[in-house]
N, C-alpha and C. Protein backbone atom coordinates (compact mmCIF):
# COMPACT_ATOMS: atom_id res chain seq x y z
N MET A 1 0.81 -1.19 0.00
CA MET A 1 0.00 0.00 0.00
C MET A 1 0.86 1.26 0.00
N LYS A 2 1.95 1.24 0.77
CA LYS A 2 2.80 2.42 0.83
C LYS A 2 3.53 2.65 -0.50
N LYS A 3 3.83 1.59 -1.21
CA LYS A 3 4.52 1.72 -2.49
C LYS A 3 3.65 2.47 -3.50
N ALA A 4 2.37 2.17 -3.54
CA ALA A 4 1.46 2.85 -4.47
C ALA A 4 1.30 4.32 -4.08
N ARG A 5 1.27 4.60 -2.80
CA ARG A 5 1.13 5.99 -2.35
C ARG A 5 2.36 6.81 -2.73
N GLY A 6 3.53 6.24 -2.60
CA GLY A 6 4.75 6.93 -2.99
C GLY A 6 4.80 7.20 -4.48
N GLN A 7 4.30 6.28 -5.26
CA GLN A 7 4.26 6.47 -6.71
C GLN A 7 3.34 7.63 -7.08
N VAL A 8 2.22 7.74 -6.40
CA VAL A 8 1.27 8.83 -6.66
C VAL A 8 1.91 10.17 -6.33
N ILE A 9 2.63 10.25 -5.24
CA ILE A 9 3.29 11.50 -4.85
C ILE A 9 4.34 11.89 -5.89
N LEU A 10 5.14 10.93 -6.36
CA LEU A 10 6.15 11.23 -7.38
C LEU A 10 5.52 11.67 -8.69
N GLU A 11 4.46 11.00 -9.11
CA GLU A 11 3.79 11.37 -10.36
C GLU A 11 3.18 12.76 -10.26
N PHE A 12 2.57 13.07 -9.11
CA PHE A 12 1.98 14.39 -8.91
C PHE A 12 3.05 15.48 -8.94
N THR A 13 4.17 15.23 -8.28
CA THR A 13 5.26 16.22 -8.25
C THR A 13 5.80 16.45 -9.66
N PHE A 14 6.01 15.39 -10.41
CA PHE A 14 6.51 15.53 -11.77
C PHE A 14 5.52 16.31 -12.64
N CYS A 15 4.25 16.00 -12.52
CA CYS A 15 3.24 16.71 -13.32
C CYS A 15 3.17 18.18 -12.94
N MET A 16 3.29 18.49 -11.67
CA MET A 16 3.24 19.90 -11.25
C MET A 16 4.45 20.68 -11.78
N VAL A 17 5.61 20.06 -11.80
CA VAL A 17 6.79 20.74 -12.35
C VAL A 17 6.59 21.01 -13.84
N VAL A 18 6.08 20.04 -14.57
CA VAL A 18 5.83 20.22 -16.00
C VAL A 18 4.79 21.31 -16.24
N ILE A 19 3.73 21.31 -15.45
CA ILE A 19 2.69 22.33 -15.59
C ILE A 19 3.24 23.71 -15.28
N MET A 20 4.10 23.84 -14.29
CA MET A 20 4.69 25.15 -13.96
C MET A 20 5.57 25.65 -15.11
N PHE A 21 6.33 24.77 -15.74
CA PHE A 21 7.13 25.18 -16.90
C PHE A 21 6.23 25.62 -18.04
N MET A 22 5.13 24.94 -18.24
CA MET A 22 4.22 25.31 -19.31
C MET A 22 3.57 26.67 -19.05
N ILE A 23 3.20 26.93 -17.82
CA ILE A 23 2.61 28.23 -17.47
C ILE A 23 3.65 29.34 -17.64
N TYR A 24 4.88 29.09 -17.23
CA TYR A 24 5.94 30.09 -17.40
C TYR A 24 6.16 30.40 -18.88
N GLY A 25 6.21 29.37 -19.71
CA GLY A 25 6.39 29.57 -21.14
C GLY A 25 5.23 30.33 -21.76
N LEU A 26 4.02 30.05 -21.33
CA LEU A 26 2.85 30.73 -21.87
C LEU A 26 2.87 32.21 -21.51
N THR A 27 3.27 32.54 -20.28
CA THR A 27 3.34 33.95 -19.91
C THR A 27 4.43 34.68 -20.69
N LYS A 28 5.54 34.01 -20.96
CA LYS A 28 6.60 34.65 -21.76
C LYS A 28 6.11 34.93 -23.18
N VAL A 29 5.37 33.99 -23.78
CA VAL A 29 4.84 34.20 -25.12
C VAL A 29 3.90 35.40 -25.14
N PHE A 30 3.04 35.52 -24.13
CA PHE A 30 2.12 36.66 -24.08
C PHE A 30 2.88 37.97 -23.89
N LEU A 31 3.94 37.96 -23.10
CA LEU A 31 4.73 39.19 -22.92
C LEU A 31 5.41 39.60 -24.21
N TRP A 32 5.99 38.64 -24.95
CA TRP A 32 6.68 38.96 -26.20
C TRP A 32 5.70 39.46 -27.25
N SER A 33 4.56 38.82 -27.36
CA SER A 33 3.60 39.25 -28.38
C SER A 33 3.01 40.61 -28.02
N GLY A 34 2.78 40.87 -26.75
CA GLY A 34 2.28 42.18 -26.34
C GLY A 34 3.30 43.27 -26.59
N ALA A 35 4.57 42.99 -26.36
CA ALA A 35 5.61 43.98 -26.63
C ALA A 35 5.71 44.28 -28.12
N ASP A 36 5.56 43.26 -28.95
CA ASP A 36 5.61 43.47 -30.39
C ASP A 36 4.43 44.33 -30.86
N LEU A 37 3.25 44.05 -30.35
CA LEU A 37 2.08 44.84 -30.73
C LEU A 37 2.21 46.29 -30.26
N ALA A 38 2.78 46.49 -29.08
CA ALA A 38 2.96 47.85 -28.58
C ALA A 38 3.96 48.61 -29.45
N GLU A 39 5.04 47.97 -29.86
CA GLU A 39 6.02 48.63 -30.73
C GLU A 39 5.41 48.98 -32.09
N ARG A 40 4.58 48.08 -32.63
CA ARG A 40 3.91 48.37 -33.90
C ARG A 40 2.97 49.57 -33.77
N ARG A 41 2.26 49.64 -32.65
CA ARG A 41 1.33 50.76 -32.45
C ARG A 41 2.09 52.07 -32.33
N LYS A 42 3.20 52.08 -31.60
CA LYS A 42 3.99 53.30 -31.47
C LYS A 42 4.55 53.73 -32.82
N ALA A 43 5.00 52.78 -33.62
CA ALA A 43 5.54 53.11 -34.94
C ALA A 43 4.44 53.63 -35.86
N HIS A 44 3.25 53.08 -35.76
CA HIS A 44 2.14 53.54 -36.59
C HIS A 44 1.70 54.94 -36.18
N ASP A 45 1.61 55.20 -34.87
CA ASP A 45 1.28 56.54 -34.40
C ASP A 45 2.33 57.56 -34.85
N LYS A 46 3.58 57.16 -34.81
CA LYS A 46 4.66 58.05 -35.24
C LYS A 46 4.55 58.35 -36.73
N SER A 47 4.21 57.33 -37.54
CA SER A 47 4.10 57.58 -38.98
C SER A 47 2.91 58.47 -39.31
N LEU A 48 1.87 58.45 -38.48
CA LEU A 48 0.70 59.29 -38.74
C LEU A 48 0.89 60.72 -38.25
N THR A 49 1.57 60.90 -37.12
CA THR A 49 1.67 62.23 -36.54
C THR A 49 2.90 63.00 -37.02
N GLN A 50 3.95 62.32 -37.42
CA GLN A 50 5.17 63.02 -37.82
C GLN A 50 5.43 62.89 -39.31
N SER A 51 4.37 62.95 -40.08
CA SER A 51 4.57 62.87 -41.53
C SER A 51 5.05 64.23 -42.04
N THR A 52 5.67 64.22 -43.19
CA THR A 52 6.26 65.43 -43.75
C THR A 52 5.27 66.16 -44.66
N GLY A 53 3.99 65.95 -44.47
CA GLY A 53 3.00 66.60 -45.30
C GLY A 53 2.62 65.78 -46.52
N ASN A 54 3.28 64.68 -46.71
CA ASN A 54 2.99 63.81 -47.84
C ASN A 54 1.96 62.76 -47.38
N PRO A 55 0.73 62.80 -47.92
CA PRO A 55 -0.27 61.83 -47.47
C PRO A 55 0.10 60.38 -47.78
N GLU A 56 0.91 60.16 -48.79
CA GLU A 56 1.30 58.78 -49.11
C GLU A 56 2.16 58.16 -48.02
N SER A 57 2.87 58.98 -47.28
CA SER A 57 3.70 58.43 -46.20
C SER A 57 2.84 57.91 -45.05
N GLN A 58 1.60 58.39 -44.93
CA GLN A 58 0.73 57.93 -43.86
C GLN A 58 0.12 56.56 -44.16
N ILE A 59 0.02 56.20 -45.42
CA ILE A 59 -0.59 54.91 -45.75
C ILE A 59 0.45 53.89 -46.19
N HIS A 60 1.69 54.16 -45.93
CA HIS A 60 2.76 53.24 -46.28
C HIS A 60 2.61 51.96 -45.45
N PRO A 61 2.49 50.78 -46.09
CA PRO A 61 2.22 49.56 -45.33
C PRO A 61 3.43 49.03 -44.55
N TYR A 62 4.62 49.47 -44.89
CA TYR A 62 5.83 48.96 -44.21
C TYR A 62 6.39 50.02 -43.27
N PHE A 63 5.54 50.51 -42.37
CA PHE A 63 5.96 51.55 -41.44
C PHE A 63 6.75 50.99 -40.27
N HIS A 64 6.72 49.70 -40.10
CA HIS A 64 7.35 49.09 -38.92
C HIS A 64 8.37 48.05 -39.36
N LYS A 65 9.58 48.14 -38.83
CA LYS A 65 10.60 47.13 -39.08
C LYS A 65 10.65 46.19 -37.89
N HIS A 66 10.51 44.92 -38.14
CA HIS A 66 10.50 43.94 -37.07
C HIS A 66 11.90 43.78 -36.50
N GLU A 67 11.94 43.67 -35.19
CA GLU A 67 13.20 43.38 -34.52
C GLU A 67 13.23 41.89 -34.20
N LYS A 68 14.44 41.37 -34.07
CA LYS A 68 14.56 39.96 -33.72
C LYS A 68 14.07 39.76 -32.28
N LEU A 69 13.29 38.71 -32.10
CA LEU A 69 12.87 38.36 -30.75
C LEU A 69 14.00 37.62 -30.07
N ASN A 70 14.40 38.14 -28.96
CA ASN A 70 15.44 37.49 -28.18
C ASN A 70 14.77 36.55 -27.19
N ALA A 71 14.43 35.38 -27.67
CA ALA A 71 13.61 34.46 -26.88
C ALA A 71 14.40 33.66 -25.87
N ILE A 72 15.72 33.76 -25.89
CA ILE A 72 16.49 32.94 -24.95
C ILE A 72 17.22 33.83 -23.95
N TRP A 73 18.29 34.46 -24.37
CA TRP A 73 19.05 35.36 -23.49
C TRP A 73 19.50 36.56 -24.28
N LYS A 74 19.83 37.60 -23.54
CA LYS A 74 20.39 38.80 -24.18
C LYS A 74 21.88 38.70 -24.22
């Protein structure tokens, strides 16, 4: 009986560690995607407000240059 109980505790601990890693990874993905969207919005606002009087510069589809995501370390 004690052997089965010990196995349950080990399986639960292993599953909780895996779930914690998954939650950590999910929060990192949301932070990176939110930062990218915020940078795009700032670049779009800048292209609309600081145009040189040329209306074509306001509708330019490539107003934002993507930066590399540093997903591991800096």
